[in-house]
Full PDB file with SEQRES, HELIX, SHEET, SSBOND, CRYST1, ORIGX, SCALE, CONECT and MASTER records, all heavy atoms in Angstrom:
SEQRES   1 A   35  VAL LEU PHE ILE THR HIS ASN MET GLY VAL VAL ALA GLU          
SEQRES   2 A   35  ILE ALA ASP ARG VAL ALA VAL MET TYR ALA GLY GLN VAL          
SEQRES   3 A   35  VAL GLU GLU ALA PRO VAL ALA GLU ILE                          
HELIX    1 AA1 MET A    8  ILE A   14  1                                   7    
SHEET    1 AA1 2 ARG A  17  TYR A  22  0                                        
SHEET    2 AA1 2 GLN A  25  PRO A  31 -1                                        
CRYST1    1.000    1.000    1.000  90.00  90.00  90.00 P 1           1          
ORIGX1      1.000000  0.000000  0.000000        0.00000                         
ORIGX2      0.000000  1.000000  0.000000        0.00000                         
ORIGX3      0.000000  0.000000  1.000000        0.00000                         
SCALE1      1.000000  0.000000  0.000000        0.00000                         
SCALE2      0.000000  1.000000  0.000000        0.00000                         
SCALE3      0.000000  0.000000  1.000000        0.00000                         
ATOM      1  N   VAL A   1       0.841  -1.195   0.000  1.00  0.00           N  
ATOM      2  CA  VAL A   1       0.000   0.000   0.000  1.00  0.00           C  
ATOM      3  C   VAL A   1       0.880   1.250   0.000  1.00  0.00           C  
ATOM      4  O   VAL A   1       1.806   1.365   0.809  1.00  0.00           O  
ATOM      5  CB  VAL A   1      -0.938   0.038   1.231  1.00  0.00           C  
ATOM      6  CG1 VAL A   1      -1.749   1.329   1.254  1.00  0.00           C  
ATOM      7  CG2 VAL A   1      -1.874  -1.169   1.234  1.00  0.00           C  
ATOM      8  N   LEU A   2       0.586   2.161  -0.925  1.00  0.00           N  
ATOM      9  CA  LEU A   2       1.159   3.511  -0.894  1.00  0.00           C  
ATOM     10  C   LEU A   2       0.068   4.426  -0.387  1.00  0.00           C  
ATOM     11  O   LEU A   2      -0.919   4.673  -1.094  1.00  0.00           O  
ATOM     12  CB  LEU A   2       1.631   3.933  -2.282  1.00  0.00           C  
ATOM     13  CG  LEU A   2       2.170   5.371  -2.404  1.00  0.00           C  
ATOM     14  CD1 LEU A   2       3.389   5.568  -1.518  1.00  0.00           C  
ATOM     15  CD2 LEU A   2       2.486   5.716  -3.850  1.00  0.00           C  
ATOM     16  N   PHE A   3       0.209   4.913   0.855  1.00  0.00           N  
ATOM     17  CA  PHE A   3      -0.839   5.707   1.494  1.00  0.00           C  
ATOM     18  C   PHE A   3      -0.399   7.165   1.515  1.00  0.00           C  
ATOM     19  O   PHE A   3       0.563   7.532   2.193  1.00  0.00           O  
ATOM     20  CB  PHE A   3      -1.094   5.209   2.922  1.00  0.00           C  
ATOM     21  CG  PHE A   3      -2.399   5.659   3.490  1.00  0.00           C  
ATOM     22  CD1 PHE A   3      -3.500   4.825   3.462  1.00  0.00           C  
ATOM     23  CD2 PHE A   3      -2.544   6.921   4.041  1.00  0.00           C  
ATOM     24  CE1 PHE A   3      -4.731   5.240   3.978  1.00  0.00           C  
ATOM     25  CE2 PHE A   3      -3.752   7.349   4.558  1.00  0.00           C  
ATOM     26  CZ  PHE A   3      -4.848   6.504   4.517  1.00  0.00           C  
ATOM     27  N   ILE A   4      -1.107   7.997   0.754  1.00  0.00           N  
ATOM     28  CA  ILE A   4      -0.745   9.404   0.577  1.00  0.00           C  
ATOM     29  C   ILE A   4      -1.634  10.256   1.469  1.00  0.00           C  
ATOM     30  O   ILE A   4      -2.869  10.139   1.435  1.00  0.00           O  
ATOM     31  CB  ILE A   4      -0.912   9.809  -0.895  1.00  0.00           C  
ATOM     32  CG1 ILE A   4       0.036   8.978  -1.770  1.00  0.00           C  
ATOM     33  CG2 ILE A   4      -0.660  11.293  -1.093  1.00  0.00           C  
ATOM     34  CD1 ILE A   4      -0.239   9.100  -3.245  1.00  0.00           C  
ATOM     35  N   THR A   5      -1.019  11.124   2.273  1.00  0.00           N  
ATOM     36  CA  THR A   5      -1.805  11.948   3.188  1.00  0.00           C  
ATOM     37  C   THR A   5      -0.967  13.142   3.655  1.00  0.00           C  
ATOM     38  O   THR A   5       0.248  13.159   3.485  1.00  0.00           O  
ATOM     39  CB  THR A   5      -2.257  11.118   4.411  1.00  0.00           C  
ATOM     40  OG1 THR A   5      -3.075  11.917   5.263  1.00  0.00           O  
ATOM     41  CG2 THR A   5      -1.072  10.605   5.207  1.00  0.00           C  
ATOM     42  N   HIS A   6      -1.643  14.144   4.213  1.00  0.00           N  
ATOM     43  CA  HIS A   6      -0.945  15.231   4.900  1.00  0.00           C  
ATOM     44  C   HIS A   6      -1.122  15.093   6.405  1.00  0.00           C  
ATOM     45  O   HIS A   6      -0.627  15.915   7.171  1.00  0.00           O  
ATOM     46  CB  HIS A   6      -1.490  16.586   4.438  1.00  0.00           C  
ATOM     47  CG  HIS A   6      -2.946  16.776   4.748  1.00  0.00           C  
ATOM     48  ND1 HIS A   6      -3.939  16.377   3.896  1.00  0.00           N  
ATOM     49  CD2 HIS A   6      -3.556  17.284   5.837  1.00  0.00           C  
ATOM     50  CE1 HIS A   6      -5.107  16.651   4.451  1.00  0.00           C  
ATOM     51  NE2 HIS A   6      -4.910  17.198   5.626  1.00  0.00           N  
ATOM     52  N   ASN A   7      -1.812  14.032   6.834  1.00  0.00           N  
ATOM     53  CA  ASN A   7      -2.169  13.841   8.236  1.00  0.00           C  
ATOM     54  C   ASN A   7      -1.194  12.873   8.903  1.00  0.00           C  
ATOM     55  O   ASN A   7      -1.232  11.665   8.656  1.00  0.00           O  
ATOM     56  CB  ASN A   7      -3.605  13.292   8.310  1.00  0.00           C  
ATOM     57  CG  ASN A   7      -4.136  13.245   9.726  1.00  0.00           C  
ATOM     58  OD1 ASN A   7      -3.393  13.029  10.677  1.00  0.00           O  
ATOM     59  ND2 ASN A   7      -5.444  13.438   9.870  1.00  0.00           N  
ATOM     60  N   MET A   8      -0.309  13.403   9.726  1.00  0.00           N  
ATOM     61  CA  MET A   8       0.694  12.561  10.375  1.00  0.00           C  
ATOM     62  C   MET A   8       0.061  11.568  11.356  1.00  0.00           C  
ATOM     63  O   MET A   8       0.612  10.489  11.601  1.00  0.00           O  
ATOM     64  CB  MET A   8       1.722  13.432  11.104  1.00  0.00           C  
ATOM     65  CG  MET A   8       2.558  14.313  10.194  1.00  0.00           C  
ATOM     66  SD  MET A   8       3.611  13.381   9.049  1.00  0.00           S  
ATOM     67  CE  MET A   8       4.902  12.805  10.150  1.00  0.00           C  
ATOM     68  N   GLY A   9      -1.091  11.919  11.930  1.00  0.00           N  
ATOM     69  CA  GLY A   9      -1.770  10.995  12.823  1.00  0.00           C  
ATOM     70  C   GLY A   9      -2.232   9.745  12.093  1.00  0.00           C  
ATOM     71  O   GLY A   9      -2.133   8.628  12.628  1.00  0.00           O  
ATOM     72  N   VAL A  10      -2.726   9.901  10.873  1.00  0.00           N  
ATOM     73  CA  VAL A  10      -3.137   8.759  10.066  1.00  0.00           C  
ATOM     74  C   VAL A  10      -1.927   7.893   9.716  1.00  0.00           C  
ATOM     75  O   VAL A  10      -1.993   6.664   9.746  1.00  0.00           O  
ATOM     76  CB  VAL A  10      -3.853   9.238   8.788  1.00  0.00           C  
ATOM     77  CG1 VAL A  10      -4.054   8.084   7.810  1.00  0.00           C  
ATOM     78  CG2 VAL A  10      -5.193   9.863   9.134  1.00  0.00           C  
ATOM     79  N   VAL A  11      -0.809   8.540   9.397  1.00  0.00           N  
ATOM     80  CA  VAL A  11       0.420   7.805   9.085  1.00  0.00           C  
ATOM     81  C   VAL A  11       0.837   6.923  10.260  1.00  0.00           C  
ATOM     82  O   VAL A  11       1.225   5.769  10.087  1.00  0.00           O  
ATOM     83  CB  VAL A  11       1.554   8.788   8.717  1.00  0.00           C  
ATOM     84  CG1 VAL A  11       2.906   8.098   8.732  1.00  0.00           C  
ATOM     85  CG2 VAL A  11       1.297   9.385   7.358  1.00  0.00           C  
ATOM     86  N   ALA A  12       0.749   7.474  11.472  1.00  0.00           N  
ATOM     87  CA  ALA A  12       1.122   6.703  12.661  1.00  0.00           C  
ATOM     88  C   ALA A  12       0.255   5.468  12.810  1.00  0.00           C  
ATOM     89  O   ALA A  12       0.704   4.434  13.331  1.00  0.00           O  
ATOM     90  CB  ALA A  12       1.003   7.582  13.906  1.00  0.00           C  
ATOM     91  N   GLU A  13      -0.994   5.540  12.338  1.00  0.00           N  
ATOM     92  CA  GLU A  13      -1.927   4.431  12.473  1.00  0.00           C  
ATOM     93  C   GLU A  13      -1.661   3.316  11.471  1.00  0.00           C  
ATOM     94  O   GLU A  13      -1.817   2.145  11.785  1.00  0.00           O  
ATOM     95  CB  GLU A  13      -3.363   4.935  12.280  1.00  0.00           C  
ATOM     96  CG  GLU A  13      -3.933   5.681  13.455  1.00  0.00           C  
ATOM     97  CD  GLU A  13      -4.277   4.758  14.600  1.00  0.00           C  
ATOM     98  OE1 GLU A  13      -4.776   3.642  14.360  1.00  0.00           O  
ATOM     99  OE2 GLU A  13      -3.995   5.139  15.752  1.00  0.00           O  
ATOM    100  N   ILE A  14      -1.251   3.658  10.244  1.00  0.00           N  
ATOM    101  CA  ILE A  14      -1.315   2.669   9.172  1.00  0.00           C  
ATOM    102  C   ILE A  14       0.021   2.313   8.538  1.00  0.00           C  
ATOM    103  O   ILE A  14       0.164   1.234   7.960  1.00  0.00           O  
ATOM    104  CB  ILE A  14      -2.298   3.141   8.078  1.00  0.00           C  
ATOM    105  CG1 ILE A  14      -2.752   1.955   7.226  1.00  0.00           C  
ATOM    106  CG2 ILE A  14      -1.707   4.262   7.224  1.00  0.00           C  
ATOM    107  CD1 ILE A  14      -3.960   2.222   6.359  1.00  0.00           C  
ATOM    108  N   ALA A  15       1.028   3.177   8.619  1.00  0.00           N  
ATOM    109  CA  ALA A  15       2.246   2.971   7.823  1.00  0.00           C  
ATOM    110  C   ALA A  15       3.297   2.147   8.569  1.00  0.00           C  
ATOM    111  O   ALA A  15       3.391   2.171   9.794  1.00  0.00           O  
ATOM    112  CB  ALA A  15       2.848   4.315   7.428  1.00  0.00           C  
ATOM    113  N   ASP A  16       4.087   1.401   7.798  1.00  0.00           N  
ATOM    114  CA  ASP A  16       5.286   0.748   8.321  1.00  0.00           C  
ATOM    115  C   ASP A  16       6.493   1.667   8.174  1.00  0.00           C  
ATOM    116  O   ASP A  16       7.411   1.629   8.989  1.00  0.00           O  
ATOM    117  CB  ASP A  16       5.560  -0.559   7.545  1.00  0.00           C  
ATOM    118  CG  ASP A  16       4.425  -1.555   7.666  1.00  0.00           C  
ATOM    119  OD1 ASP A  16       4.194  -2.039   8.790  1.00  0.00           O  
ATOM    120  OD2 ASP A  16       3.756  -1.843   6.648  1.00  0.00           O  
ATOM    121  N   ARG A  17       6.466   2.463   7.122  1.00  0.00           N  
ATOM    122  CA  ARG A  17       7.582   3.336   6.784  1.00  0.00           C  
ATOM    123  C   ARG A  17       7.008   4.650   6.262  1.00  0.00           C  
ATOM    124  O   ARG A  17       5.895   4.679   5.719  1.00  0.00           O  
ATOM    125  CB  ARG A  17       8.452   2.652   5.720  1.00  0.00           C  
ATOM    126  CG  ARG A  17       9.782   3.311   5.443  1.00  0.00           C  
ATOM    127  CD  ARG A  17      10.660   2.447   4.538  1.00  0.00           C  
ATOM    128  NE  ARG A  17      11.915   3.111   4.253  1.00  0.00           N  
ATOM    129  CZ  ARG A  17      12.956   3.108   5.065  1.00  0.00           C  
ATOM    130  NH1 ARG A  17      12.892   2.456   6.211  1.00  0.00           N  
ATOM    131  NH2 ARG A  17      14.074   3.744   4.739  1.00  0.00           N  
ATOM    132  N   VAL A  18       7.755   5.740   6.412  1.00  0.00           N  
ATOM    133  CA  VAL A  18       7.261   7.059   6.023  1.00  0.00           C  
ATOM    134  C   VAL A  18       8.292   7.754   5.138  1.00  0.00           C  
ATOM    135  O   VAL A  18       9.492   7.737   5.438  1.00  0.00           O  
ATOM    136  CB  VAL A  18       6.987   7.954   7.256  1.00  0.00           C  
ATOM    137  CG1 VAL A  18       6.388   9.277   6.825  1.00  0.00           C  
ATOM    138  CG2 VAL A  18       6.076   7.251   8.239  1.00  0.00           C  
ATOM    139  N   ALA A  19       7.813   8.358   4.050  1.00  0.00           N  
ATOM    140  CA  ALA A  19       8.641   9.242   3.227  1.00  0.00           C  
ATOM    141  C   ALA A  19       8.003  10.625   3.277  1.00  0.00           C  
ATOM    142  O   ALA A  19       6.806  10.771   3.026  1.00  0.00           O  
ATOM    143  CB  ALA A  19       8.721   8.738   1.791  1.00  0.00           C  
ATOM    144  N   VAL A  20       8.801  11.638   3.614  1.00  0.00           N  
ATOM    145  CA  VAL A  20       8.319  13.016   3.740  1.00  0.00           C  
ATOM    146  C   VAL A  20       8.738  13.782   2.491  1.00  0.00           C  
ATOM    147  O   VAL A  20       9.927  13.816   2.149  1.00  0.00           O  
ATOM    148  CB  VAL A  20       8.889  13.690   4.999  1.00  0.00           C  
ATOM    149  CG1 VAL A  20       8.364  15.123   5.121  1.00  0.00           C  
ATOM    150  CG2 VAL A  20       8.543  12.886   6.246  1.00  0.00           C  
ATOM    151  N   MET A  21       7.768  14.430   1.806  1.00  0.00           N  
ATOM    152  CA  MET A  21       8.058  15.196   0.606  1.00  0.00           C  
ATOM    153  C   MET A  21       7.939  16.692   0.883  1.00  0.00           C  
ATOM    154  O   MET A  21       7.072  17.127   1.642  1.00  0.00           O  
ATOM    155  CB  MET A  21       7.122  14.813  -0.543  1.00  0.00           C  
ATOM    156  CG  MET A  21       7.373  13.432  -1.118  1.00  0.00           C  
ATOM    157  SD  MET A  21       6.476  13.147  -2.678  1.00  0.00           S  
ATOM    158  CE  MET A  21       7.419  14.172  -3.821  1.00  0.00           C  
ATOM    159  N   TYR A  22       8.823  17.445   0.222  1.00  0.00           N  
ATOM    160  CA  TYR A  22       8.760  18.900   0.286  1.00  0.00           C  
ATOM    161  C   TYR A  22       9.220  19.451  -1.054  1.00  0.00           C  
ATOM    162  O   TYR A  22      10.298  19.105  -1.552  1.00  0.00           O  
ATOM    163  CB  TYR A  22       9.652  19.447   1.407  1.00  0.00           C  
ATOM    164  CG  TYR A  22       9.588  20.952   1.530  1.00  0.00           C  
ATOM    165  CD1 TYR A  22       8.521  21.556   2.177  1.00  0.00           C  
ATOM    166  CD2 TYR A  22      10.570  21.770   0.969  1.00  0.00           C  
ATOM    167  CE1 TYR A  22       8.435  22.944   2.282  1.00  0.00           C  
ATOM    168  CE2 TYR A  22      10.496  23.153   1.069  1.00  0.00           C  
ATOM    169  CZ  TYR A  22       9.419  23.735   1.724  1.00  0.00           C  
ATOM    170  OH  TYR A  22       9.324  25.105   1.822  1.00  0.00           O  
ATOM    171  N   ALA A  23       8.381  20.292  -1.664  1.00  0.00           N  
ATOM    172  CA  ALA A  23       8.720  20.969  -2.922  1.00  0.00           C  
ATOM    173  C   ALA A  23       9.207  19.990  -3.988  1.00  0.00           C  
ATOM    174  O   ALA A  23      10.187  20.245  -4.682  1.00  0.00           O  
ATOM    175  CB  ALA A  23       9.760  22.047  -2.673  1.00  0.00           C  
ATOM    176  N   GLY A  24       8.518  18.853  -4.101  1.00  0.00           N  
ATOM    177  CA  GLY A  24       8.800  17.900  -5.170  1.00  0.00           C  
ATOM    178  C   GLY A  24       9.872  16.887  -4.869  1.00  0.00           C  
ATOM    179  O   GLY A  24      10.147  16.013  -5.710  1.00  0.00           O  
ATOM    180  N   GLN A  25      10.500  16.951  -3.699  1.00  0.00           N  
ATOM    181  CA  GLN A  25      11.576  16.026  -3.355  1.00  0.00           C  
ATOM    182  C   GLN A  25      11.265  15.285  -2.054  1.00  0.00           C  
ATOM    183  O   GLN A  25      10.568  15.805  -1.191  1.00  0.00           O  
ATOM    184  CB  GLN A  25      12.897  16.783  -3.173  1.00  0.00           C  
ATOM    185  CG  GLN A  25      13.414  17.460  -4.425  1.00  0.00           C  
ATOM    186  CD  GLN A  25      14.708  18.209  -4.169  1.00  0.00           C  
ATOM    187  OE1 GLN A  25      14.944  18.744  -3.090  1.00  0.00           O  
ATOM    188  NE2 GLN A  25      15.577  18.250  -5.180  1.00  0.00           N  
ATOM    189  N   VAL A  26      11.815  14.073  -1.927  1.00  0.00           N  
ATOM    190  CA  VAL A  26      11.780  13.362  -0.652  1.00  0.00           C  
ATOM    191  C   VAL A  26      12.895  13.936   0.213  1.00  0.00           C  
ATOM    192  O   VAL A  26      14.063  13.960  -0.187  1.00  0.00           O  
ATOM    193  CB  VAL A  26      11.983  11.850  -0.842  1.00  0.00           C  
ATOM    194  CG1 VAL A  26      12.097  11.150   0.520  1.00  0.00           C  
ATOM    195  CG2 VAL A  26      10.826  11.252  -1.634  1.00  0.00           C  
ATOM    196  N   VAL A  27      12.536  14.431   1.417  1.00  0.00           N  
ATOM    197  CA  VAL A  27      13.538  15.032   2.294  1.00  0.00           C  
ATOM    198  C   VAL A  27      13.908  14.126   3.466  1.00  0.00           C  
ATOM    199  O   VAL A  27      14.946  14.330   4.098  1.00  0.00           O  
ATOM    200  CB  VAL A  27      13.084  16.412   2.821  1.00  0.00           C  
ATOM    201  CG1 VAL A  27      12.931  17.390   1.665  1.00  0.00           C  
ATOM    202  CG2 VAL A  27      11.785  16.317   3.621  1.00  0.00           C  
ATOM    203  N   GLU A  28      13.065  13.136   3.753  1.00  0.00           N  
ATOM    204  CA  GLU A  28      13.399  12.181   4.810  1.00  0.00           C  
ATOM    205  C   GLU A  28      12.589  10.917   4.605  1.00  0.00           C  
ATOM    206  O   GLU A  28      11.443  10.951   4.165  1.00  0.00           O  
ATOM    207  CB  GLU A  28      13.117  12.771   6.200  1.00  0.00           C  
ATOM    208  CG  GLU A  28      13.564  11.861   7.337  1.00  0.00           C  
ATOM    209  CD  GLU A  28      13.622  12.544   8.696  1.00  0.00           C  
ATOM    210  OE1 GLU A  28      13.229  13.732   8.796  1.00  0.00           O  
ATOM    211  OE2 GLU A  28      14.067  11.891   9.657  1.00  0.00           O  
ATOM    212  N   GLU A  29      13.210   9.782   4.947  1.00  0.00           N  
ATOM    213  CA  GLU A  29      12.530   8.489   4.858  1.00  0.00           C  
ATOM    214  C   GLU A  29      13.032   7.608   5.982  1.00  0.00           C  
ATOM    215  O   GLU A  29      14.251   7.512   6.217  1.00  0.00           O  
ATOM    216  CB  GLU A  29      12.793   7.824   3.504  1.00  0.00           C  
ATOM    217  CG  GLU A  29      12.029   6.527   3.315  1.00  0.00           C  
ATOM    218  CD  GLU A  29      12.338   5.849   1.981  1.00  0.00           C  
ATOM    219  OE1 GLU A  29      12.952   6.494   1.107  1.00  0.00           O  
ATOM    220  OE2 GLU A  29      11.965   4.674   1.832  1.00  0.00           O  
ATOM    221  N   ALA A  30      12.106   6.957   6.705  1.00  0.00           N  
ATOM    222  CA  ALA A  30      12.499   6.150   7.862  1.00  0.00           C  
ATOM    223  C   ALA A  30      11.330   5.269   8.293  1.00  0.00           C  
ATOM    224  O   ALA A  30      10.178   5.521   7.913  1.00  0.00           O  
ATOM    225  CB  ALA A  30      12.925   7.050   9.023  1.00  0.00           C  
ATOM    226  N   PRO A  31      11.599   4.226   9.099  1.00  0.00           N  
ATOM    227  CA  PRO A  31      10.502   3.480   9.725  1.00  0.00           C  
ATOM    228  C   PRO A  31       9.624   4.405  10.543  1.00  0.00           C  
ATOM    229  O   PRO A  31      10.104   5.385  11.119  1.00  0.00           O  
ATOM    230  CB  PRO A  31      11.242   2.458  10.610  1.00  0.00           C  
ATOM    231  CG  PRO A  31      12.581   2.299   9.974  1.00  0.00           C  
ATOM    232  CD  PRO A  31      12.919   3.657   9.421  1.00  0.00           C  
ATOM    233  N   VAL A  32       8.334   4.106  10.599  1.00  0.00           N  
ATOM    234  CA  VAL A  32       7.377   5.055  11.172  1.00  0.00           C  
ATOM    235  C   VAL A  32       7.679   5.383  12.631  1.00  0.00           C  
ATOM    236  O   VAL A  32       7.616   6.552  13.038  1.00  0.00           O  
ATOM    237  CB  VAL A  32       5.929   4.526  11.009  1.00  0.00           C  
ATOM    238  CG1 VAL A  32       5.686   3.251  11.788  1.00  0.00           C  
ATOM    239  CG2 VAL A  32       4.920   5.599  11.390  1.00  0.00           C  
ATOM    240  N   ALA A  33       8.050   4.398  13.437  1.00  0.00           N  
ATOM    241  CA  ALA A  33       8.312   4.669  14.850  1.00  0.00           C  
ATOM    242  C   ALA A  33       9.509   5.599  15.028  1.00  0.00           C  
ATOM    243  O   ALA A  33       9.501   6.490  15.888  1.00  0.00           O  
ATOM    244  CB  ALA A  33       8.547   3.358  15.601  1.00  0.00           C  
ATOM    245  N   GLU A  34      10.526   5.420  14.181  1.00  0.00           N  
ATOM    246  CA  GLU A  34      11.743   6.225  14.322  1.00  0.00           C  
ATOM    247  C   GLU A  34      11.526   7.660  13.862  1.00  0.00           C  
ATOM    248  O   GLU A  34      12.093   8.599  14.436  1.00  0.00           O  
ATOM    249  CB  GLU A  34      12.882   5.572  13.544  1.00  0.00           C  
ATOM    250  CG  GLU A  34      13.299   4.229  14.129  1.00  0.00           C  
ATOM    251  CD  GLU A  34      14.486   3.631  13.401  1.00  0.00           C  
ATOM    252  OE1 GLU A  34      15.257   4.401  12.801  1.00  0.00           O  
ATOM    253  OE2 GLU A  34      14.632   2.398  13.441  1.00  0.00           O  
ATOM    254  N   ILE A  35      10.718   7.845  12.820  1.00  0.00           N  
ATOM    255  CA  ILE A  35      10.521   9.209  12.328  1.00  0.00           C  
ATOM    256  C   ILE A  35       9.710  10.035  13.328  1.00  0.00           C  
ATOM    257  O   ILE A  35       9.893  11.251  13.428  1.00  0.00           O  
ATOM    258  CB  ILE A  35       9.875   9.196  10.931  1.00  0.00           C  
ATOM    259  CG1 ILE A  35      10.380  10.387  10.114  1.00  0.00           C  
ATOM    260  CG2 ILE A  35       8.351   9.205  10.991  1.00  0.00           C  
ATOM    261  CD1 ILE A  35      10.156  10.277   8.636  1.00  0.00           C  
TER     262      ILE A  35                                                      
MASTER        0    0    0    1    2    0    0    6  261    1    0    3          
END                                                                             
């Protein structure tokens, strides 16, 4: 599943890993608990 959202609370509920985008680029990527 690729779950796209602006809601970090939803990400905490469903994701195993998180990629953060800003201005068209990925600026950080990590396991959800660590991020």
